[in-house]
Amino acid sequence: MSALLENRKAFFDYEILEKFEAGLELRGWEVKSLKNKRGSIAGSRAIIRGGEIFLVGLDIPAYQPENAPKDFEKERTIKLLLQKKEINSLEGKLRQKGLTMVPTKLYTKNG
């Protein structure tokens, strides 16, 4: 389980109270780009909208810029895959003043 991207600055800027592991809903070229360790999670954060949780500000450049799809967005909103009870728990905690969700590490698991 080697890290593809890390946000070491998050440990300096924020006090990490709790950690969750979530899946990402990615497209094929985004996976290829991330496996080449291209991209940045610095400055990204998670938000909750309509009972779903999304990651905004994740920078994933095109795998092959010349062949990038027409609908390619470098910083698109990506859905995080968590269980409903985890999302509800996080939503309650976010209502407290001064809390935010930031990604600290992006890695592959089981291939």
C-alpha atoms as a PDB file:
ATOM      1  CA  MET A   1       0.000   0.000   0.000  1.00  0.00           C
ATOM      2  CA  SER A   2       2.351   2.715  -1.207  1.00  0.00           C
ATOM      3  CA  ALA A   3       1.133   6.301  -1.187  1.00  0.00           C
ATOM      4  CA  LEU A   4       0.454   7.893  -4.571  1.00  0.00           C
ATOM      5  CA  LEU A   5      -0.030  11.392  -3.128  1.00  0.00           C
ATOM      6  CA  GLU A   6       0.461  12.786   0.373  1.00  0.00           C
ATOM      7  CA  ASN A   7      -0.601  16.031   2.006  1.00  0.00           C
ATOM      8  CA  ARG A   8       2.067  16.478   4.676  1.00  0.00           C
ATOM      9  CA  LYS A   9       1.136  20.126   5.097  1.00  0.00           C
ATOM     10  CA  ALA A  10      -2.283  19.073   6.438  1.00  0.00           C
ATOM     11  CA  PHE A  11      -0.635  17.750   9.610  1.00  0.00           C
ATOM     12  CA  PHE A  12       1.007  21.150  10.094  1.00  0.00           C
ATOM     13  CA  ASP A  13      -2.028  23.289   9.217  1.00  0.00           C
ATOM     14  CA  TYR A  14      -4.712  21.214  10.956  1.00  0.00           C
ATOM     15  CA  GLU A  15      -5.162  19.112  14.059  1.00  0.00           C
ATOM     16  CA  ILE A  16      -6.222  15.700  12.766  1.00  0.00           C
ATOM     17  CA  LEU A  17      -8.984  14.480  15.077  1.00  0.00           C
ATOM     18  CA  GLU A  18     -10.160  11.393  13.224  1.00  0.00           C
ATOM     19  CA  LYS A  19      -9.250   9.448  10.090  1.00  0.00           C
ATOM     20  CA  PHE A  20     -11.549   7.734   7.616  1.00  0.00           C
ATOM     21  CA  GLU A  21     -10.738   5.576   4.627  1.00  0.00           C
ATOM     22  CA  ALA A  22     -12.875   6.267   1.571  1.00  0.00           C
ATOM     23  CA  GLY A  23     -12.933   5.158  -2.035  1.00  0.00           C
ATOM     24  CA  LEU A  24     -12.829   7.594  -4.944  1.00  0.00           C
ATOM     25  CA  GLU A  25     -15.046   7.533  -8.010  1.00  0.00           C
ATOM     26  CA  LEU A  26     -12.386   8.080 -10.683  1.00  0.00           C
ATOM     27  CA  ARG A  27     -12.246   7.822 -14.457  1.00  0.00           C
ATOM     28  CA  GLY A  28      -9.712   5.631 -16.246  1.00  0.00           C
ATOM     29  CA  TRP A  29      -7.273   8.354 -17.280  1.00  0.00           C
ATOM     30  CA  GLU A  30      -7.351   9.804 -13.769  1.00  0.00           C
ATOM     31  CA  VAL A  31      -6.289   6.444 -12.318  1.00  0.00           C
ATOM     32  CA  LYS A  32      -3.412   6.193 -14.809  1.00  0.00           C
ATOM     33  CA  SER A  33      -2.253   9.701 -14.016  1.00  0.00           C
ATOM     34  CA  LEU A  34      -2.384   9.077 -10.255  1.00  0.00           C
ATOM     35  CA  LYS A  35      -0.479   5.790 -10.565  1.00  0.00           C
ATOM     36  CA  ASN A  36       2.294   7.812 -12.220  1.00  0.00           C
ATOM     37  CA  LYS A  37       2.250   9.976  -9.036  1.00  0.00           C
ATOM     38  CA  ARG A  38       1.055  13.021 -10.945  1.00  0.00           C
ATOM     39  CA  GLY A  39      -1.333  15.308  -9.128  1.00  0.00           C
ATOM     40  CA  SER A  40      -1.746  17.166  -5.871  1.00  0.00           C
ATOM     41  CA  ILE A  41      -4.094  16.902  -2.897  1.00  0.00           C
ATOM     42  CA  ALA A  42      -2.708  20.020  -1.215  1.00  0.00           C
ATOM     43  CA  GLY A  43      -5.500  22.549  -0.867  1.00  0.00           C
ATOM     44  CA  SER A  44      -8.284  20.043  -1.456  1.00  0.00           C
ATOM     45  CA  ARG A  45     -11.107  19.421   0.977  1.00  0.00           C
ATOM     46  CA  ALA A  46     -14.241  17.306   1.327  1.00  0.00           C
ATOM     47  CA  ILE A  47     -17.775  18.690   1.417  1.00  0.00           C
ATOM     48  CA  ILE A  48     -21.187  17.133   2.018  1.00  0.00           C
ATOM     49  CA  ARG A  49     -24.049  17.891  -0.392  1.00  0.00           C
ATOM     50  CA  GLY A  50     -27.398  16.147  -0.414  1.00  0.00           C
ATOM     51  CA  GLY A  51     -26.295  13.251   1.773  1.00  0.00           C
ATOM     52  CA  GLU A  52     -23.252  12.527  -0.386  1.00  0.00           C
ATOM     53  CA  ILE A  53     -19.641  13.492   0.201  1.00  0.00           C
ATOM     54  CA  PHE A  54     -17.390  15.030  -2.465  1.00  0.00           C
ATOM     55  CA  LEU A  55     -13.728  15.947  -2.772  1.00  0.00           C
ATOM     56  CA  VAL A  56     -13.084  19.377  -4.310  1.00  0.00           C
ATOM     57  CA  GLY A  57      -9.755  20.876  -5.306  1.00  0.00           C
ATOM     58  CA  LEU A  58      -7.987  17.591  -6.130  1.00  0.00           C
ATOM     59  CA  ASP A  59      -5.601  18.384  -8.971  1.00  0.00           C
ATOM     60  CA  ILE A  60      -5.208  15.502 -11.455  1.00  0.00           C
ATOM     61  CA  PRO A  61      -3.460  16.464 -14.713  1.00  0.00           C
ATOM     62  CA  ALA A  62      -4.208  14.665 -17.973  1.00  0.00           C
ATOM     63  CA  TYR A  63      -2.441  11.315 -18.409  1.00  0.00           C
ATOM     64  CA  GLN A  64      -1.642  12.165 -22.021  1.00  0.00           C
ATOM     65  CA  PRO A  65      -2.354  15.874 -22.602  1.00  0.00           C
ATOM     66  CA  GLU A  66      -2.500  15.442 -26.388  1.00  0.00           C
ATOM     67  CA  ASN A  67      -5.173  12.746 -26.093  1.00  0.00           C
ATOM     68  CA  ALA A  68      -7.189  14.238 -23.234  1.00  0.00           C
ATOM     69  CA  PRO A  69     -10.966  13.817 -23.629  1.00  0.00           C
ATOM     70  CA  LYS A  70     -12.998  16.863 -24.605  1.00  0.00           C
ATOM     71  CA  ASP A  71     -14.784  16.864 -21.226  1.00  0.00           C
ATOM     72  CA  PHE A  72     -11.499  16.733 -19.265  1.00  0.00           C
ATOM     73  CA  GLU A  73     -11.435  18.887 -16.126  1.00  0.00           C
ATOM     74  CA  LYS A  74      -8.176  19.177 -14.208  1.00  0.00           C
ATOM     75  CA  GLU A  75      -9.941  19.924 -10.897  1.00  0.00           C
ATOM     76  CA  ARG A  76     -13.363  18.282 -11.056  1.00  0.00           C
ATOM     77  CA  THR A  77     -15.524  17.383  -8.077  1.00  0.00           C
ATOM     78  CA  ILE A  78     -14.979  13.705  -7.206  1.00  0.00           C
ATOM     79  CA  LYS A  79     -17.441  11.602  -5.234  1.00  0.00           C
ATOM     80  CA  LEU A  80     -16.102   9.826  -2.147  1.00  0.00           C
ATOM     81  CA  LEU A  81     -17.425   6.374  -1.356  1.00  0.00           C
ATOM     82  CA  LEU A  82     -18.349   6.026   2.322  1.00  0.00           C
ATOM     83  CA  GLN A  83     -21.108   4.214   4.175  1.00  0.00           C
ATOM     84  CA  LYS A  84     -24.217   6.210   5.024  1.00  0.00           C
ATOM     85  CA  LYS A  85     -23.607   6.013   8.787  1.00  0.00           C
ATOM     86  CA  GLU A  86     -20.069   7.416   8.305  1.00  0.00           C
ATOM     87  CA  ILE A  87     -21.413  10.298   6.202  1.00  0.00           C
ATOM     88  CA  ASN A  88     -24.068  11.087   8.832  1.00  0.00           C
ATOM     89  CA  SER A  89     -21.426  11.039  11.565  1.00  0.00           C
ATOM     90  CA  LEU A  90     -19.171  13.384   9.599  1.00  0.00           C
ATOM     91  CA  GLU A  91     -22.060  15.718   8.783  1.00  0.00           C
ATOM     92  CA  GLY A  92     -22.842  16.090  12.489  1.00  0.00           C
ATOM     93  CA  LYS A  93     -19.211  16.857  13.288  1.00  0.00           C
ATOM     94  CA  LEU A  94     -18.934  19.416  10.486  1.00  0.00           C
ATOM     95  CA  ARG A  95     -21.748  21.439  11.980  1.00  0.00           C
ATOM     96  CA  GLN A  96     -19.406  22.247  14.848  1.00  0.00           C
ATOM     97  CA  LYS A  97     -17.569  25.500  14.278  1.00  0.00           C
ATOM     98  CA  GLY A  98     -14.067  25.354  12.861  1.00  0.00           C
ATOM     99  CA  LEU A  99     -14.012  21.761  11.578  1.00  0.00           C
ATOM    100  CA  THR A 100     -13.138  20.788   8.032  1.00  0.00           C
ATOM    101  CA  MET A 101     -12.292  17.564   6.192  1.00  0.00           C
ATOM    102  CA  VAL A 102      -8.974  17.349   4.368  1.00  0.00           C
ATOM    103  CA  PRO A 103      -7.367  14.402   2.575  1.00  0.00           C
ATOM    104  CA  THR A 104      -4.001  13.341   3.971  1.00  0.00           C
ATOM    105  CA  LYS A 105      -3.038  10.444   1.715  1.00  0.00           C
ATOM    106  CA  LEU A 106      -4.140   8.910  -1.578  1.00  0.00           C
ATOM    107  CA  TYR A 107      -3.161   5.306  -2.244  1.00  0.00           C
ATOM    108  CA  THR A 108      -4.278   2.145  -4.033  1.00  0.00           C
ATOM    109  CA  LYS A 109      -5.617  -0.820  -2.148  1.00  0.00           C
ATOM    110  CA  ASN A 110      -5.908  -4.383  -3.497  1.00  0.00           C
ATOM    111  CA  GLY A 111      -4.662  -3.449  -6.937  1.00  0.00           C
END
